[in-house]
mmCIF file of all heavy atoms, coordinates in Angstrom:
data_MODEL
# 
_entry.id   MODEL 
# 
loop_
_atom_site.group_PDB 
_atom_site.id 
_atom_site.type_symbol 
_atom_site.label_atom_id 
_atom_site.label_alt_id 
_atom_site.label_comp_id 
_atom_site.label_asym_id 
_atom_site.label_entity_id 
_atom_site.label_seq_id 
_atom_site.pdbx_PDB_ins_code 
_atom_site.Cartn_x 
_atom_site.Cartn_y 
_atom_site.Cartn_z 
_atom_site.occupancy 
_atom_site.B_iso_or_equiv 
_atom_site.pdbx_formal_charge 
_atom_site.auth_seq_id 
_atom_site.auth_comp_id 
_atom_site.auth_asym_id 
_atom_site.auth_atom_id 
_atom_site.pdbx_PDB_model_num 
ATOM 1   N N   . ARG A 1 1  ? -33.935 17.539 -52.819 1.00 0.00 ? 1  ARG A N   1 
ATOM 2   C CA  . ARG A 1 1  ? -35.277 16.962 -52.766 1.00 0.00 ? 1  ARG A CA  1 
ATOM 3   C C   . ARG A 1 1  ? -36.289 18.101 -52.608 1.00 0.00 ? 1  ARG A C   1 
ATOM 4   O O   . ARG A 1 1  ? -36.092 19.005 -51.815 1.00 0.00 ? 1  ARG A O   1 
ATOM 5   C CB  . ARG A 1 1  ? -35.391 16.005 -51.577 1.00 0.00 ? 1  ARG A CB  1 
ATOM 6   C CG  . ARG A 1 1  ? -36.746 15.360 -51.401 1.00 0.00 ? 1  ARG A CG  1 
ATOM 7   C CD  . ARG A 1 1  ? -36.782 14.395 -50.223 1.00 0.00 ? 1  ARG A CD  1 
ATOM 8   N NE  . ARG A 1 1  ? -35.694 13.431 -50.268 1.00 0.00 ? 1  ARG A NE  1 
ATOM 9   C CZ  . ARG A 1 1  ? -35.676 12.320 -51.002 1.00 0.00 ? 1  ARG A CZ  1 
ATOM 10  N NH1 . ARG A 1 1  ? -36.697 12.039 -51.778 1.00 0.00 ? 1  ARG A NH1 1 
ATOM 11  N NH2 . ARG A 1 1  ? -34.639 11.498 -50.954 1.00 0.00 ? 1  ARG A NH2 1 
ATOM 12  N N   . CYS A 1 2  ? -37.389 18.007 -53.374 1.00 0.00 ? 2  CYS A N   1 
ATOM 13  C CA  . CYS A 1 2  ? -38.446 18.999 -53.281 1.00 0.00 ? 2  CYS A CA  1 
ATOM 14  C C   . CYS A 1 2  ? -39.296 18.724 -52.043 1.00 0.00 ? 2  CYS A C   1 
ATOM 15  O O   . CYS A 1 2  ? -39.681 17.586 -51.778 1.00 0.00 ? 2  CYS A O   1 
ATOM 16  C CB  . CYS A 1 2  ? -39.330 18.961 -54.527 1.00 0.00 ? 2  CYS A CB  1 
ATOM 17  S SG  . CYS A 1 2  ? -40.691 20.155 -54.452 1.00 0.00 ? 2  CYS A SG  1 
ATOM 18  N N   . ARG A 1 3  ? -39.603 19.764 -51.308 1.00 0.00 ? 3  ARG A N   1 
ATOM 19  C CA  . ARG A 1 3  ? -40.428 19.614 -50.104 1.00 0.00 ? 3  ARG A CA  1 
ATOM 20  C C   . ARG A 1 3  ? -41.909 19.519 -50.448 1.00 0.00 ? 3  ARG A C   1 
ATOM 21  O O   . ARG A 1 3  ? -42.704 19.138 -49.592 1.00 0.00 ? 3  ARG A O   1 
ATOM 22  C CB  . ARG A 1 3  ? -40.173 20.771 -49.151 1.00 0.00 ? 3  ARG A CB  1 
ATOM 23  C CG  . ARG A 1 3  ? -38.773 20.710 -48.578 1.00 0.00 ? 3  ARG A CG  1 
ATOM 24  C CD  . ARG A 1 3  ? -38.587 21.657 -47.446 1.00 0.00 ? 3  ARG A CD  1 
ATOM 25  N NE  . ARG A 1 3  ? -37.249 21.480 -46.873 1.00 0.00 ? 3  ARG A NE  1 
ATOM 26  C CZ  . ARG A 1 3  ? -36.683 22.340 -46.082 1.00 0.00 ? 3  ARG A CZ  1 
ATOM 27  N NH1 . ARG A 1 3  ? -37.308 23.441 -45.751 1.00 0.00 ? 3  ARG A NH1 1 
ATOM 28  N NH2 . ARG A 1 3  ? -35.475 22.100 -45.601 1.00 0.00 ? 3  ARG A NH2 1 
ATOM 29  N N   . SER A 1 4  ? -42.270 19.828 -51.692 1.00 0.00 ? 4  SER A N   1 
ATOM 30  C CA  . SER A 1 4  ? -43.682 19.755 -52.090 1.00 0.00 ? 4  SER A CA  1 
ATOM 31  C C   . SER A 1 4  ? -44.024 18.445 -52.799 1.00 0.00 ? 4  SER A C   1 
ATOM 32  O O   . SER A 1 4  ? -44.973 17.770 -52.437 1.00 0.00 ? 4  SER A O   1 
ATOM 33  C CB  . SER A 1 4  ? -44.039 20.922 -53.005 1.00 0.00 ? 4  SER A CB  1 
ATOM 34  O OG  . SER A 1 4  ? -43.872 22.147 -52.342 1.00 0.00 ? 4  SER A OG  1 
ATOM 35  N N   . CYS A 1 5  ? -43.244 18.086 -53.820 1.00 0.00 ? 5  CYS A N   1 
ATOM 36  C CA  . CYS A 1 5  ? -43.586 16.914 -54.644 1.00 0.00 ? 5  CYS A CA  1 
ATOM 37  C C   . CYS A 1 5  ? -42.624 15.738 -54.474 1.00 0.00 ? 5  CYS A C   1 
ATOM 38  O O   . CYS A 1 5  ? -42.787 14.711 -55.107 1.00 0.00 ? 5  CYS A O   1 
ATOM 39  C CB  . CYS A 1 5  ? -43.677 17.306 -56.112 1.00 0.00 ? 5  CYS A CB  1 
ATOM 40  S SG  . CYS A 1 5  ? -42.087 17.646 -56.917 1.00 0.00 ? 5  CYS A SG  1 
ATOM 41  N N   . SER A 1 6  ? -41.580 15.901 -53.659 1.00 0.00 ? 6  SER A N   1 
ATOM 42  C CA  . SER A 1 6  ? -40.567 14.870 -53.377 1.00 0.00 ? 6  SER A CA  1 
ATOM 43  C C   . SER A 1 6  ? -39.682 14.523 -54.573 1.00 0.00 ? 6  SER A C   1 
ATOM 44  O O   . SER A 1 6  ? -38.976 13.515 -54.542 1.00 0.00 ? 6  SER A O   1 
ATOM 45  C CB  . SER A 1 6  ? -41.207 13.605 -52.813 1.00 0.00 ? 6  SER A CB  1 
ATOM 46  O OG  . SER A 1 6  ? -41.802 13.892 -51.571 1.00 0.00 ? 6  SER A OG  1 
ATOM 47  N N   . HIS A 1 7  ? -39.700 15.327 -55.630 1.00 0.00 ? 7  HIS A N   1 
ATOM 48  C CA  . HIS A 1 7  ? -38.781 15.125 -56.762 1.00 0.00 ? 7  HIS A CA  1 
ATOM 49  C C   . HIS A 1 7  ? -37.359 15.231 -56.241 1.00 0.00 ? 7  HIS A C   1 
ATOM 50  O O   . HIS A 1 7  ? -37.044 16.093 -55.418 1.00 0.00 ? 7  HIS A O   1 
ATOM 51  C CB  . HIS A 1 7  ? -39.033 16.177 -57.842 1.00 0.00 ? 7  HIS A CB  1 
ATOM 52  C CG  . HIS A 1 7  ? -37.996 16.191 -58.915 1.00 0.00 ? 7  HIS A CG  1 
ATOM 53  N ND1 . HIS A 1 7  ? -37.896 15.215 -59.873 1.00 0.00 ? 7  HIS A ND1 1 
ATOM 54  C CD2 . HIS A 1 7  ? -36.992 17.077 -59.180 1.00 0.00 ? 7  HIS A CD2 1 
ATOM 55  C CE1 . HIS A 1 7  ? -36.885 15.488 -60.683 1.00 0.00 ? 7  HIS A CE1 1 
ATOM 56  N NE2 . HIS A 1 7  ? -36.327 16.617 -60.285 1.00 0.00 ? 7  HIS A NE2 1 
ATOM 57  N N   . THR A 1 8  ? -36.461 14.348 -56.705 1.00 0.00 ? 8  THR A N   1 
ATOM 58  C CA  . THR A 1 8  ? -35.056 14.406 -56.306 1.00 0.00 ? 8  THR A CA  1 
ATOM 59  C C   . THR A 1 8  ? -34.162 14.480 -57.535 1.00 0.00 ? 8  THR A C   1 
ATOM 60  O O   . THR A 1 8  ? -34.527 14.009 -58.615 1.00 0.00 ? 8  THR A O   1 
ATOM 61  C CB  . THR A 1 8  ? -34.635 13.168 -55.474 1.00 0.00 ? 8  THR A CB  1 
ATOM 62  O OG1 . THR A 1 8  ? -34.773 11.996 -56.280 1.00 0.00 ? 8  THR A OG1 1 
ATOM 63  C CG2 . THR A 1 8  ? -35.452 13.046 -54.211 1.00 0.00 ? 8  THR A CG2 1 
ATOM 64  N N   . ASP A 1 9  ? -32.993 15.079 -57.340 1.00 0.00 ? 9  ASP A N   1 
ATOM 65  C CA  . ASP A 1 9  ? -31.997 15.116 -58.401 1.00 0.00 ? 9  ASP A CA  1 
ATOM 66  C C   . ASP A 1 9  ? -30.664 15.506 -57.772 1.00 0.00 ? 9  ASP A C   1 
ATOM 67  O O   . ASP A 1 9  ? -30.619 16.060 -56.675 1.00 0.00 ? 9  ASP A O   1 
ATOM 68  C CB  . ASP A 1 9  ? -32.361 16.127 -59.488 1.00 0.00 ? 9  ASP A CB  1 
ATOM 69  C CG  . ASP A 1 9  ? -31.632 15.870 -60.799 1.00 0.00 ? 9  ASP A CG  1 
ATOM 70  O OD1 . ASP A 1 9  ? -30.802 14.927 -60.869 1.00 0.00 ? 9  ASP A OD1 1 
ATOM 71  O OD2 . ASP A 1 9  ? -31.885 16.611 -61.753 1.00 0.00 ? 9  ASP A OD2 1 
ATOM 72  N N   . TRP A 1 10 ? -29.586 15.180 -58.480 1.00 0.00 ? 10 TRP A N   1 
ATOM 73  C CA  . TRP A 1 10 ? -28.250 15.584 -58.080 1.00 0.00 ? 10 TRP A CA  1 
ATOM 74  C C   . TRP A 1 10 ? -27.935 16.916 -58.740 1.00 0.00 ? 10 TRP A C   1 
ATOM 75  O O   . TRP A 1 10 ? -28.154 17.089 -59.937 1.00 0.00 ? 10 TRP A O   1 
ATOM 76  C CB  . TRP A 1 10 ? -27.225 14.539 -58.516 1.00 0.00 ? 10 TRP A CB  1 
ATOM 77  C CG  . TRP A 1 10 ? -27.349 13.272 -57.747 1.00 0.00 ? 10 TRP A CG  1 
ATOM 78  C CD1 . TRP A 1 10 ? -28.011 12.151 -58.132 1.00 0.00 ? 10 TRP A CD1 1 
ATOM 79  C CD2 . TRP A 1 10 ? -26.814 13.001 -56.453 1.00 0.00 ? 10 TRP A CD2 1 
ATOM 80  N NE1 . TRP A 1 10 ? -27.915 11.182 -57.151 1.00 0.00 ? 10 TRP A NE1 1 
ATOM 81  C CE2 . TRP A 1 10 ? -27.175 11.678 -56.113 1.00 0.00 ? 10 TRP A CE2 1 
ATOM 82  C CE3 . TRP A 1 10 ? -26.054 13.736 -55.548 1.00 0.00 ? 10 TRP A CE3 1 
ATOM 83  C CZ2 . TRP A 1 10 ? -26.809 11.098 -54.908 1.00 0.00 ? 10 TRP A CZ2 1 
ATOM 84  C CZ3 . TRP A 1 10 ? -25.689 13.147 -54.357 1.00 0.00 ? 10 TRP A CZ3 1 
ATOM 85  C CH2 . TRP A 1 10 ? -26.065 11.843 -54.051 1.00 0.00 ? 10 TRP A CH2 1 
ATOM 86  N N   . ILE A 1 11 ? -27.425 17.873 -57.953 1.00 0.00 ? 11 ILE A N   1 
ATOM 87  C CA  . ILE A 1 11 ? -27.084 19.198 -58.469 1.00 0.00 ? 11 ILE A CA  1 
ATOM 88  C C   . ILE A 1 11 ? -25.571 19.378 -58.372 1.00 0.00 ? 11 ILE A C   1 
ATOM 89  O O   . ILE A 1 11 ? -24.971 19.180 -57.319 1.00 0.00 ? 11 ILE A O   1 
ATOM 90  C CB  . ILE A 1 11 ? -27.804 20.299 -57.656 1.00 0.00 ? 11 ILE A CB  1 
ATOM 91  C CG1 . ILE A 1 11 ? -29.319 20.044 -57.601 1.00 0.00 ? 11 ILE A CG1 1 
ATOM 92  C CG2 . ILE A 1 11 ? -27.489 21.671 -58.227 1.00 0.00 ? 11 ILE A CG2 1 
ATOM 93  C CD1 . ILE A 1 11 ? -30.020 20.052 -58.930 1.00 0.00 ? 11 ILE A CD1 1 
ATOM 94  N N   . GLU A 1 12 ? -24.962 19.770 -59.482 1.00 0.00 ? 12 GLU A N   1 
ATOM 95  C CA  . GLU A 1 12 ? -23.509 19.907 -59.555 1.00 0.00 ? 12 GLU A CA  1 
ATOM 96  C C   . GLU A 1 12 ? -23.026 21.126 -58.768 1.00 0.00 ? 12 GLU A C   1 
ATOM 97  O O   . GLU A 1 12 ? -23.719 22.144 -58.674 1.00 0.00 ? 12 GLU A O   1 
ATOM 98  C CB  . GLU A 1 12 ? -23.077 20.030 -61.015 1.00 0.00 ? 12 GLU A CB  1 
ATOM 99  C CG  . GLU A 1 12 ? -21.602 19.892 -61.227 1.00 0.00 ? 12 GLU A CG  1 
ATOM 100 C CD  . GLU A 1 12 ? -21.233 19.810 -62.701 1.00 0.00 ? 12 GLU A CD  1 
ATOM 101 O OE1 . GLU A 1 12 ? -22.087 20.035 -63.575 1.00 0.00 ? 12 GLU A OE1 1 
ATOM 102 O OE2 . GLU A 1 12 ? -20.053 19.517 -62.968 1.00 0.00 ? 12 GLU A OE2 1 
ATOM 103 N N   . ASP A 1 13 ? -21.812 21.035 -58.234 1.00 0.00 ? 13 ASP A N   1 
ATOM 104 C CA  . ASP A 1 13 ? -21.259 22.109 -57.400 1.00 0.00 ? 13 ASP A CA  1 
ATOM 105 C C   . ASP A 1 13 ? -21.205 23.451 -58.113 1.00 0.00 ? 13 ASP A C   1 
ATOM 106 O O   . ASP A 1 13 ? -21.354 24.493 -57.475 1.00 0.00 ? 13 ASP A O   1 
ATOM 107 C CB  . ASP A 1 13 ? -19.897 21.743 -56.827 1.00 0.00 ? 13 ASP A CB  1 
ATOM 108 C CG  . ASP A 1 13 ? -18.832 21.424 -57.873 1.00 0.00 ? 13 ASP A CG  1 
ATOM 109 O OD1 . ASP A 1 13 ? -19.098 21.510 -59.084 1.00 0.00 ? 13 ASP A OD1 1 
ATOM 110 O OD2 . ASP A 1 13 ? -17.719 21.052 -57.456 1.00 0.00 ? 13 ASP A OD2 1 
ATOM 111 N N   . ILE A 1 14 ? -21.047 23.459 -59.426 1.00 0.00 ? 14 ILE A N   1 
ATOM 112 C CA  . ILE A 1 14 ? -20.991 24.736 -60.146 1.00 0.00 ? 14 ILE A CA  1 
ATOM 113 C C   . ILE A 1 14 ? -22.324 25.490 -60.021 1.00 0.00 ? 14 ILE A C   1 
ATOM 114 O O   . ILE A 1 14 ? -22.352 26.715 -59.966 1.00 0.00 ? 14 ILE A O   1 
ATOM 115 C CB  . ILE A 1 14 ? -20.583 24.535 -61.627 1.00 0.00 ? 14 ILE A CB  1 
ATOM 116 C CG1 . ILE A 1 14 ? -20.217 25.858 -62.262 1.00 0.00 ? 14 ILE A CG1 1 
ATOM 117 C CG2 . ILE A 1 14 ? -21.669 23.822 -62.411 1.00 0.00 ? 14 ILE A CG2 1 
ATOM 118 C CD1 . ILE A 1 14 ? -19.536 25.737 -63.599 1.00 0.00 ? 14 ILE A CD1 1 
ATOM 119 N N   . VAL A 1 15 ? -23.427 24.777 -59.915 1.00 0.00 ? 15 VAL A N   1 
ATOM 120 C CA  . VAL A 1 15 ? -24.736 25.400 -59.714 1.00 0.00 ? 15 VAL A CA  1 
ATOM 121 C C   . VAL A 1 15 ? -24.886 25.821 -58.260 1.00 0.00 ? 15 VAL A C   1 
ATOM 122 O O   . VAL A 1 15 ? -25.296 26.954 -57.958 1.00 0.00 ? 15 VAL A O   1 
ATOM 123 C CB  . VAL A 1 15 ? -25.884 24.438 -60.116 1.00 0.00 ? 15 VAL A CB  1 
ATOM 124 C CG1 . VAL A 1 15 ? -27.240 25.035 -59.773 1.00 0.00 ? 15 VAL A CG1 1 
ATOM 125 C CG2 . VAL A 1 15 ? -25.787 24.082 -61.585 1.00 0.00 ? 15 VAL A CG2 1 
ATOM 126 N N   . VAL A 1 16 ? -24.553 24.922 -57.345 1.00 0.00 ? 16 VAL A N   1 
ATOM 127 C CA  . VAL A 1 16 ? -24.684 25.214 -55.914 1.00 0.00 ? 16 VAL A CA  1 
ATOM 128 C C   . VAL A 1 16 ? -23.827 26.421 -55.538 1.00 0.00 ? 16 VAL A C   1 
ATOM 129 O O   . VAL A 1 16 ? -24.265 27.297 -54.785 1.00 0.00 ? 16 VAL A O   1 
ATOM 130 C CB  . VAL A 1 16 ? -24.302 23.971 -55.073 1.00 0.00 ? 16 VAL A CB  1 
ATOM 131 C CG1 . VAL A 1 16 ? -24.242 24.298 -53.600 1.00 0.00 ? 16 VAL A CG1 1 
ATOM 132 C CG2 . VAL A 1 16 ? -25.297 22.839 -55.337 1.00 0.00 ? 16 VAL A CG2 1 
ATOM 133 N N   . ASP A 1 17 ? -22.613 26.501 -56.082 1.00 0.00 ? 17 ASP A N   1 
ATOM 134 C CA  . ASP A 1 17 ? -21.701 27.599 -55.757 1.00 0.00 ? 17 ASP A CA  1 
ATOM 135 C C   . ASP A 1 17 ? -22.148 28.934 -56.348 1.00 0.00 ? 17 ASP A C   1 
ATOM 136 O O   . ASP A 1 17 ? -21.674 29.991 -55.925 1.00 0.00 ? 17 ASP A O   1 
ATOM 137 C CB  . ASP A 1 17 ? -20.290 27.292 -56.246 1.00 0.00 ? 17 ASP A CB  1 
ATOM 138 C CG  . ASP A 1 17 ? -19.659 26.133 -55.492 1.00 0.00 ? 17 ASP A CG  1 
ATOM 139 O OD1 . ASP A 1 17 ? -20.173 25.761 -54.415 1.00 0.00 ? 17 ASP A OD1 1 
ATOM 140 O OD2 . ASP A 1 17 ? -18.655 25.588 -55.987 1.00 0.00 ? 17 ASP A OD2 1 
ATOM 141 N N   . ALA A 1 18 ? -23.063 28.917 -57.321 1.00 0.00 ? 18 ALA A N   1 
ATOM 142 C CA  . ALA A 1 18 ? -23.501 30.143 -57.985 1.00 0.00 ? 18 ALA A CA  1 
ATOM 143 C C   . ALA A 1 18 ? -24.542 30.919 -57.178 1.00 0.00 ? 18 ALA A C   1 
ATOM 144 O O   . ALA A 1 18 ? -24.815 32.073 -57.483 1.00 0.00 ? 18 ALA A O   1 
ATOM 145 C CB  . ALA A 1 18 ? -24.067 29.817 -59.368 1.00 0.00 ? 18 ALA A CB  1 
ATOM 146 N N   . PHE A 1 19 ? -25.116 30.300 -56.143 1.00 0.00 ? 19 PHE A N   1 
ATOM 147 C CA  . PHE A 1 19 ? -26.164 30.936 -55.356 1.00 0.00 ? 19 PHE A CA  1 
ATOM 148 C C   . PHE A 1 19 ? -25.710 31.086 -53.910 1.00 0.00 ? 19 PHE A C   1 
ATOM 149 O O   . PHE A 1 19 ? -24.958 30.257 -53.407 1.00 0.00 ? 19 PHE A O   1 
ATOM 150 C CB  . PHE A 1 19 ? -27.452 30.110 -55.416 1.00 0.00 ? 19 PHE A CB  1 
ATOM 151 C CG  . PHE A 1 19 ? -28.039 30.032 -56.783 1.00 0.00 ? 19 PHE A CG  1 
ATOM 152 C CD1 . PHE A 1 19 ? -27.735 28.971 -57.627 1.00 0.00 ? 19 PHE A CD1 1 
ATOM 153 C CD2 . PHE A 1 19 ? -28.882 31.026 -57.252 1.00 0.00 ? 19 PHE A CD2 1 
ATOM 154 C CE1 . PHE A 1 19 ? -28.262 28.899 -58.905 1.00 0.00 ? 19 PHE A CE1 1 
ATOM 155 C CE2 . PHE A 1 19 ? -29.414 30.966 -58.534 1.00 0.00 ? 19 PHE A CE2 1 
ATOM 156 C CZ  . PHE A 1 19 ? -29.103 29.901 -59.359 1.00 0.00 ? 19 PHE A CZ  1 
ATOM 157 N N   . PRO A 1 20 ? -26.199 32.115 -53.216 1.00 0.00 ? 20 PRO A N   1 
ATOM 158 C CA  . PRO A 1 20 ? -25.776 32.300 -51.826 1.00 0.00 ? 20 PRO A CA  1 
ATOM 159 C C   . PRO A 1 20 ? -26.359 31.213 -50.914 1.00 0.00 ? 20 PRO A C   1 
ATOM 160 O O   . PRO A 1 20 ? -27.492 30.780 -51.104 1.00 0.00 ? 20 PRO A O   1 
ATOM 161 C CB  . PRO A 1 20 ? -26.342 33.674 -51.458 1.00 0.00 ? 20 PRO A CB  1 
ATOM 162 C CG  . PRO A 1 20 ? -27.469 33.896 -52.406 1.00 0.00 ? 20 PRO A CG  1 
ATOM 163 C CD  . PRO A 1 20 ? -27.107 33.154 -53.670 1.00 0.00 ? 20 PRO A CD  1 
ATOM 164 N N   . PRO A 1 21 ? -25.573 30.766 -49.936 1.00 0.00 ? 21 PRO A N   1 
ATOM 165 C CA  . PRO A 1 21 ? -26.085 29.747 -49.010 1.00 0.00 ? 21 PRO A CA  1 
ATOM 166 C C   . PRO A 1 21 ? -27.157 30.331 -48.100 1.00 0.00 ? 21 PRO A C   1 
ATOM 167 O O   . PRO A 1 21 ? -27.031 31.438 -47.605 1.00 0.00 ? 21 PRO A O   1 
ATOM 168 C CB  . PRO A 1 21 ? -24.848 29.338 -48.217 1.00 0.00 ? 21 PRO A CB  1 
ATOM 169 C CG  . PRO A 1 21 ? -23.897 30.471 -48.345 1.00 0.00 ? 21 PRO A CG  1 
ATOM 170 C CD  . PRO A 1 21 ? -24.201 31.138 -49.651 1.00 0.00 ? 21 PRO A CD  1 
ATOM 171 N N   . VAL A 1 22 ? -28.241 29.592 -47.919 1.00 0.00 ? 22 VAL A N   1 
ATOM 172 C CA  . VAL A 1 22 ? -29.316 30.034 -47.026 1.00 0.00 ? 22 VAL A CA  1 
ATOM 173 C C   . VAL A 1 22 ? -29.668 28.968 -45.994 1.00 0.00 ? 22 VAL A C   1 
ATOM 174 O O   . VAL A 1 22 ? -30.297 29.258 -44.999 1.00 0.00 ? 22 VAL A O   1 
ATOM 175 C CB  . VAL A 1 22 ? -30.592 30.427 -47.801 1.00 0.00 ? 22 VAL A CB  1 
ATOM 176 C CG1 . VAL A 1 22 ? -30.340 31.637 -48.676 1.00 0.00 ? 22 VAL A CG1 1 
ATOM 177 C CG2 . VAL A 1 22 ? -31.123 29.282 -48.625 1.00 0.00 ? 22 VAL A CG2 1 
ATOM 178 N N   . GLU A 1 23 ? -29.262 27.748 -46.232 1.00 0.00 ? 23 GLU A N   1 
ATOM 179 C CA  . GLU A 1 23 ? -29.560 26.682 -45.287 1.00 0.00 ? 23 GLU A CA  1 
ATOM 180 C C   . GLU A 1 23 ? -28.438 26.569 -44.267 1.00 0.00 ? 23 GLU A C   1 
ATOM 181 O O   . GLU A 1 23 ? -27.303 26.970 -44.531 1.00 0.00 ? 23 GLU A O   1 
ATOM 182 C CB  . GLU A 1 23 ? -29.718 25.355 -46.034 1.00 0.00 ? 23 GLU A CB  1 
ATOM 183 C CG  . GLU A 1 23 ? -30.924 25.341 -46.956 1.00 0.00 ? 23 GLU A CG  1 
ATOM 184 C CD  . GLU A 1 23 ? -31.220 23.958 -47.477 1.00 0.00 ? 23 GLU A CD  1 
ATOM 185 O OE1 . GLU A 1 23 ? -31.358 23.042 -46.647 1.00 0.00 ? 23 GLU A OE1 1 
ATOM 186 O OE2 . GLU A 1 23 ? -31.303 23.804 -48.692 1.00 0.00 ? 23 GLU A OE2 1 
ATOM 187 N N   . PRO A 1 24 ? -28.719 26.000 -43.095 1.00 0.00 ? 24 PRO A N   1 
ATOM 188 C CA  . PRO A 1 24 ? -27.672 25.844 -42.078 1.00 0.00 ? 24 PRO A CA  1 
ATOM 189 C C   . PRO A 1 24 ? -26.455 25.058 -42.579 1.00 0.00 ? 24 PRO A C   1 
ATOM 190 O O   . PRO A 1 24 ? -25.352 25.265 -42.093 1.00 0.00 ? 24 PRO A O   1 
ATOM 191 C CB  . PRO A 1 24 ? -28.378 25.081 -40.957 1.00 0.00 ? 24 PRO A CB  1 
ATOM 192 C CG  . PRO A 1 24 ? -29.822 25.330 -41.155 1.00 0.00 ? 24 PRO A CG  1 
ATOM 193 C CD  . PRO A 1 24 ? -30.008 25.540 -42.636 1.00 0.00 ? 24 PRO A CD  1 
ATOM 194 N N   . GLU A 1 25 ? -26.646 24.186 -43.549 1.00 0.00 ? 25 GLU A N   1 
ATOM 195 C CA  . GLU A 1 25 ? -25.540 23.392 -44.086 1.00 0.00 ? 25 GLU A CA  1 
ATOM 196 C C   . GLU A 1 25 ? -24.662 24.191 -45.034 1.00 0.00 ? 25 GLU A C   1 
ATOM 197 O O   . GLU A 1 25 ? -23.670 23.687 -45.545 1.00 0.00 ? 25 GLU A O   1 
ATOM 198 C CB  . GLU A 1 25 ? -26.080 22.147 -44.818 1.00 0.00 ? 25 GLU A CB  1 
ATOM 199 C CG  . GLU A 1 25 ? -26.862 21.207 -43.938 1.00 0.00 ? 25 GLU A CG  1 
ATOM 200 C CD  . GLU A 1 25 ? -28.309 21.641 -43.727 1.00 0.00 ? 25 GLU A CD  1 
ATOM 201 O OE1 . GLU A 1 25 ? -28.855 22.424 -44.543 1.00 0.00 ? 25 GLU A OE1 1 
ATOM 202 O OE2 . GLU A 1 25 ? -28.907 21.203 -42.736 1.00 0.00 ? 25 GLU A OE2 1 
ATOM 203 N N   . GLY A 1 26 ? -25.030 25.437 -45.309 1.00 0.00 ? 26 GLY A N   1 
ATOM 204 C CA  . GLY A 1 26 ? -24.232 26.274 -46.189 1.00 0.00 ? 26 GLY A CA  1 
ATOM 205 C C   . GLY A 1 26 ? -24.499 26.059 -47.667 1.00 0.00 ? 26 GLY A C   1 
ATOM 206 O O   . GLY A 1 26 ? -23.655 26.353 -48.497 1.00 0.00 ? 26 GLY A O   1 
ATOM 207 N N   . VAL A 1 27 ? -25.659 25.523 -48.013 1.00 0.00 ? 27 VAL A N   1 
ATOM 208 C CA  . VAL A 1 27 ? -26.026 25.319 -49.415 1.00 0.00 ? 27 VAL A CA  1 
ATOM 209 C C   . VAL A 1 27 ? -27.263 26.153 -49.734 1.00 0.00 ? 27 VAL A C   1 
ATOM 210 O O   . VAL A 1 27 ? -28.058 26.471 -48.853 1.00 0.00 ? 27 VAL A O   1 
ATOM 211 C CB  . VAL A 1 27 ? -26.277 23.820 -49.731 1.00 0.00 ? 27 VAL A CB  1 
ATOM 212 C CG1 . VAL A 1 27 ? -24.999 23.027 -49.615 1.00 0.00 ? 27 VAL A CG1 1 
ATOM 213 C CG2 . VAL A 1 27 ? -27.339 23.239 -48.833 1.00 0.00 ? 27 VAL A CG2 1 
ATOM 214 N N   . PRO A 1 28 ? -27.447 26.517 -50.999 1.00 0.00 ? 28 PRO A N   1 
ATOM 215 C CA  . PRO A 1 28 ? -28.595 27.346 -51.356 1.00 0.00 ? 28 PRO A CA  1 
ATOM 216 C C   . PRO A 1 28 ? -29.883 26.542 -51.491 1.00 0.00 ? 28 PRO A C   1 
ATOM 217 O O   . PRO A 1 28 ? -29.862 25.342 -51.731 1.00 0.00 ? 28 PRO A O   1 
ATOM 218 C CB  . PRO A 1 28 ? -28.198 27.931 -52.713 1.00 0.00 ? 28 PRO A CB  1 
ATOM 219 C CG  . PRO A 1 28 ? -27.303 26.899 -53.302 1.00 0.00 ? 28 PRO A CG  1 
ATOM 220 C CD  . PRO A 1 28 ? -26.554 26.303 -52.132 1.00 0.00 ? 28 PRO A CD  1 
# 
């Protein structure tokens, strides 16, 4: 979810795994 415009979408694990985790939940 976007913190500015509230746009939402599902992101596949192959994309999530391609970037380093920065959030406490371990996702980018």
